[in-house]
Amino acid sequence: MIHSGIKGFDEICGGGLVRGSCILLHGGPGSGKTTFSIQFLYNGIIENKEPGVFITLCENPDEIRKNMLAYGWDLRKLEEQKKLVIIDARPVTFTDDGYIVPNNTLFKAEGCEGSWS
């Protein structure tokens, strides 16, 4: 079992999470999915010396970093120490003017070299 370090959670889950399992957090906006996930990673890094990876599909990584400071979790510091990686996998982002644009870091343009027969 993996202890989450989240008060009360391990107890209601029978001791923690099953190592190697895939966990899906589901809920509406503001239900705490990001906070729960970051707290789990943060506790793993601080308490167990285990590195973590967070992949965001909707939220801006800078906003996540800023919001988590309210809990005293300095994610940027952990990133600088190479203990945490935050991957921005949002399919679209917003420009400073508010326009929606594709997240070009997700796509690699490859030409079709050679001929097709």
C-alpha atoms as a PDB file:
ATOM      1  CA  MET A   1       0.000   0.000   0.000  1.00  0.00           C
ATOM      2  CA  ILE A   2       1.031   3.567  -0.670  1.00  0.00           C
ATOM      3  CA  HIS A   3       0.125   6.097   1.983  1.00  0.00           C
ATOM      4  CA  SER A   4      -1.219   9.315   0.498  1.00  0.00           C
ATOM      5  CA  GLY A   5      -0.345  11.487   3.446  1.00  0.00           C
ATOM      6  CA  ILE A   6      -3.806  13.034   3.123  1.00  0.00           C
ATOM      7  CA  LYS A   7      -5.499  13.149   6.501  1.00  0.00           C
ATOM      8  CA  GLY A   8      -8.355  10.641   6.707  1.00  0.00           C
ATOM      9  CA  PHE A   9      -8.021   9.418   3.129  1.00  0.00           C
ATOM     10  CA  ASP A  10      -5.800   6.413   3.839  1.00  0.00           C
ATOM     11  CA  GLU A  11      -8.122   5.329   6.622  1.00  0.00           C
ATOM     12  CA  ILE A  12     -11.251   5.280   4.432  1.00  0.00           C
ATOM     13  CA  CYS A  13      -9.306   3.474   1.675  1.00  0.00           C
ATOM     14  CA  GLY A  14      -8.149   0.646   3.904  1.00  0.00           C
ATOM     15  CA  GLY A  15      -4.640   1.941   4.440  1.00  0.00           C
ATOM     16  CA  GLY A  16      -3.867   3.801   1.248  1.00  0.00           C
ATOM     17  CA  LEU A  17      -3.628   3.174  -2.472  1.00  0.00           C
ATOM     18  CA  VAL A  18      -2.598  -0.098  -4.072  1.00  0.00           C
ATOM     19  CA  ARG A  19       0.925   0.228  -5.481  1.00  0.00           C
ATOM     20  CA  GLY A  20       0.915   0.033  -9.274  1.00  0.00           C
ATOM     21  CA  SER A  21      -2.774   0.796  -9.582  1.00  0.00           C
ATOM     22  CA  CYS A  22      -4.234   3.407 -11.897  1.00  0.00           C
ATOM     23  CA  ILE A  23      -6.417   5.937 -10.091  1.00  0.00           C
ATOM     24  CA  LEU A  24      -8.955   8.196 -11.791  1.00  0.00           C
ATOM     25  CA  LEU A  25     -10.163  11.285  -9.950  1.00  0.00           C
ATOM     26  CA  HIS A  26     -13.509  12.435 -11.222  1.00  0.00           C
ATOM     27  CA  GLY A  27     -15.460  15.539 -10.319  1.00  0.00           C
ATOM     28  CA  GLY A  28     -16.663  18.886 -11.502  1.00  0.00           C
ATOM     29  CA  PRO A  29     -14.692  22.121 -11.546  1.00  0.00           C
ATOM     30  CA  GLY A  30     -13.625  23.121  -8.051  1.00  0.00           C
ATOM     31  CA  SER A  31     -14.148  19.680  -6.522  1.00  0.00           C
ATOM     32  CA  GLY A  32     -10.488  19.372  -5.507  1.00  0.00           C
ATOM     33  CA  LYS A  33      -9.000  17.000  -8.094  1.00  0.00           C
ATOM     34  CA  THR A  34      -5.899  19.116  -8.678  1.00  0.00           C
ATOM     35  CA  THR A  35      -5.391  19.880  -4.995  1.00  0.00           C
ATOM     36  CA  PHE A  36      -5.752  16.205  -4.072  1.00  0.00           C
ATOM     37  CA  SER A  37      -3.295  15.156  -6.778  1.00  0.00           C
ATOM     38  CA  ILE A  38      -0.719  17.790  -5.919  1.00  0.00           C
ATOM     39  CA  GLN A  39      -1.013  17.000  -2.205  1.00  0.00           C
ATOM     40  CA  PHE A  40      -0.403  13.313  -2.940  1.00  0.00           C
ATOM     41  CA  LEU A  41       2.669  14.150  -5.047  1.00  0.00           C
ATOM     42  CA  TYR A  42       3.942  16.749  -2.573  1.00  0.00           C
ATOM     43  CA  ASN A  43       3.653  14.325   0.349  1.00  0.00           C
ATOM     44  CA  GLY A  44       5.402  11.615  -1.663  1.00  0.00           C
ATOM     45  CA  ILE A  45       8.282  13.962  -2.463  1.00  0.00           C
ATOM     46  CA  ILE A  46       8.672  15.416   1.037  1.00  0.00           C
ATOM     47  CA  GLU A  47       7.903  12.371   3.186  1.00  0.00           C
ATOM     48  CA  ASN A  48       9.061   9.469   1.005  1.00  0.00           C
ATOM     49  CA  LYS A  49      11.716  11.088  -1.217  1.00  0.00           C
ATOM     50  CA  GLU A  50       9.814   9.879  -4.312  1.00  0.00           C
ATOM     51  CA  PRO A  51       9.826  12.153  -7.395  1.00  0.00           C
ATOM     52  CA  GLY A  52       6.521  13.070  -9.009  1.00  0.00           C
ATOM     53  CA  VAL A  53       4.996  13.954 -12.365  1.00  0.00           C
ATOM     54  CA  PHE A  54       1.814  16.014 -12.753  1.00  0.00           C
ATOM     55  CA  ILE A  55       0.142  16.235 -16.160  1.00  0.00           C
ATOM     56  CA  THR A  56      -2.372  19.016 -16.599  1.00  0.00           C
ATOM     57  CA  LEU A  57      -5.024  18.718 -19.274  1.00  0.00           C
ATOM     58  CA  CYS A  58      -6.920  21.951 -18.570  1.00  0.00           C
ATOM     59  CA  GLU A  59      -5.288  24.207 -16.001  1.00  0.00           C
ATOM     60  CA  ASN A  60      -2.411  26.574 -16.654  1.00  0.00           C
ATOM     61  CA  PRO A  61       0.694  25.253 -14.831  1.00  0.00           C
ATOM     62  CA  ASP A  62       1.525  28.750 -13.559  1.00  0.00           C
ATOM     63  CA  GLU A  63      -1.946  29.033 -12.025  1.00  0.00           C
ATOM     64  CA  ILE A  64      -1.510  25.642 -10.371  1.00  0.00           C
ATOM     65  CA  ARG A  65       1.844  26.706  -8.927  1.00  0.00           C
ATOM     66  CA  LYS A  66       0.315  29.950  -7.652  1.00  0.00           C
ATOM     67  CA  ASN A  67      -2.778  28.277  -6.174  1.00  0.00           C
ATOM     68  CA  MET A  68      -0.761  25.625  -4.341  1.00  0.00           C
ATOM     69  CA  LEU A  69       1.265  28.298  -2.533  1.00  0.00           C
ATOM     70  CA  ALA A  70      -1.881  28.885  -0.450  1.00  0.00           C
ATOM     71  CA  TYR A  71      -1.183  25.479   1.139  1.00  0.00           C
ATOM     72  CA  GLY A  72       2.522  26.221   1.535  1.00  0.00           C
ATOM     73  CA  TRP A  73       3.490  23.929  -1.344  1.00  0.00           C
ATOM     74  CA  ASP A  74       6.249  25.590  -3.377  1.00  0.00           C
ATOM     75  CA  LEU A  75       6.058  23.545  -6.573  1.00  0.00           C
ATOM     76  CA  ARG A  76       8.551  25.720  -8.439  1.00  0.00           C
ATOM     77  CA  LYS A  77      11.184  24.908  -5.802  1.00  0.00           C
ATOM     78  CA  LEU A  78      10.518  21.173  -6.204  1.00  0.00           C
ATOM     79  CA  GLU A  79      10.767  21.555  -9.998  1.00  0.00           C
ATOM     80  CA  GLU A  80      14.100  23.363  -9.673  1.00  0.00           C
ATOM     81  CA  GLN A  81      15.337  20.522  -7.461  1.00  0.00           C
ATOM     82  CA  LYS A  82      14.245  18.033 -10.177  1.00  0.00           C
ATOM     83  CA  LYS A  83      11.847  16.363  -7.740  1.00  0.00           C
ATOM     84  CA  LEU A  84       8.673  17.344  -9.596  1.00  0.00           C
ATOM     85  CA  VAL A  85       7.823  17.717 -13.269  1.00  0.00           C
ATOM     86  CA  ILE A  86       4.670  19.485 -14.417  1.00  0.00           C
ATOM     87  CA  ILE A  87       3.700  18.652 -17.996  1.00  0.00           C
ATOM     88  CA  ASP A  88       1.364  21.004 -19.828  1.00  0.00           C
ATOM     89  CA  ALA A  89      -0.738  18.683 -21.996  1.00  0.00           C
ATOM     90  CA  ARG A  90      -3.600  21.088 -22.634  1.00  0.00           C
ATOM     91  CA  PRO A  91      -4.672  20.675 -26.267  1.00  0.00           C
ATOM     92  CA  VAL A  92      -5.391  24.409 -26.509  1.00  0.00           C
ATOM     93  CA  THR A  93      -4.165  27.475 -24.653  1.00  0.00           C
ATOM     94  CA  PHE A  94      -5.135  31.121 -24.551  1.00  0.00           C
ATOM     95  CA  THR A  95      -3.105  34.040 -25.839  1.00  0.00           C
ATOM     96  CA  ASP A  96      -2.730  37.183 -23.734  1.00  0.00           C
ATOM     97  CA  ASP A  97      -5.510  38.658 -25.878  1.00  0.00           C
ATOM     98  CA  GLY A  98      -7.862  35.783 -25.013  1.00  0.00           C
ATOM     99  CA  TYR A  99      -7.688  33.886 -28.293  1.00  0.00           C
ATOM    100  CA  ILE A 100      -7.761  30.098 -28.278  1.00  0.00           C
ATOM    101  CA  VAL A 101      -4.732  28.549 -29.983  1.00  0.00           C
ATOM    102  CA  PRO A 102      -3.429  24.968 -30.296  1.00  0.00           C
ATOM    103  CA  ASN A 103      -0.754  23.981 -27.804  1.00  0.00           C
ATOM    104  CA  ASN A 104       2.020  23.518 -30.359  1.00  0.00           C
ATOM    105  CA  THR A 105       4.344  21.865 -27.850  1.00  0.00           C
ATOM    106  CA  LEU A 106       2.139  18.760 -28.085  1.00  0.00           C
ATOM    107  CA  PHE A 107       2.421  18.358 -31.823  1.00  0.00           C
ATOM    108  CA  LYS A 108       5.440  17.512 -33.915  1.00  0.00           C
ATOM    109  CA  ALA A 109       5.211  18.296 -37.595  1.00  0.00           C
ATOM    110  CA  GLU A 110       6.716  15.588 -39.707  1.00  0.00           C
ATOM    111  CA  GLY A 111       6.980  15.670 -43.459  1.00  0.00           C
ATOM    112  CA  CYS A 112       6.155  12.711 -45.634  1.00  0.00           C
ATOM    113  CA  GLU A 113       9.488  11.867 -47.140  1.00  0.00           C
ATOM    114  CA  GLY A 114       9.838   9.297 -49.845  1.00  0.00           C
ATOM    115  CA  SER A 115       7.173   8.121 -52.175  1.00  0.00           C
ATOM    116  CA  TRP A 116       4.106   6.060 -51.500  1.00  0.00           C
ATOM    117  CA  SER A 117       3.387   3.247 -53.899  1.00  0.00           C
END
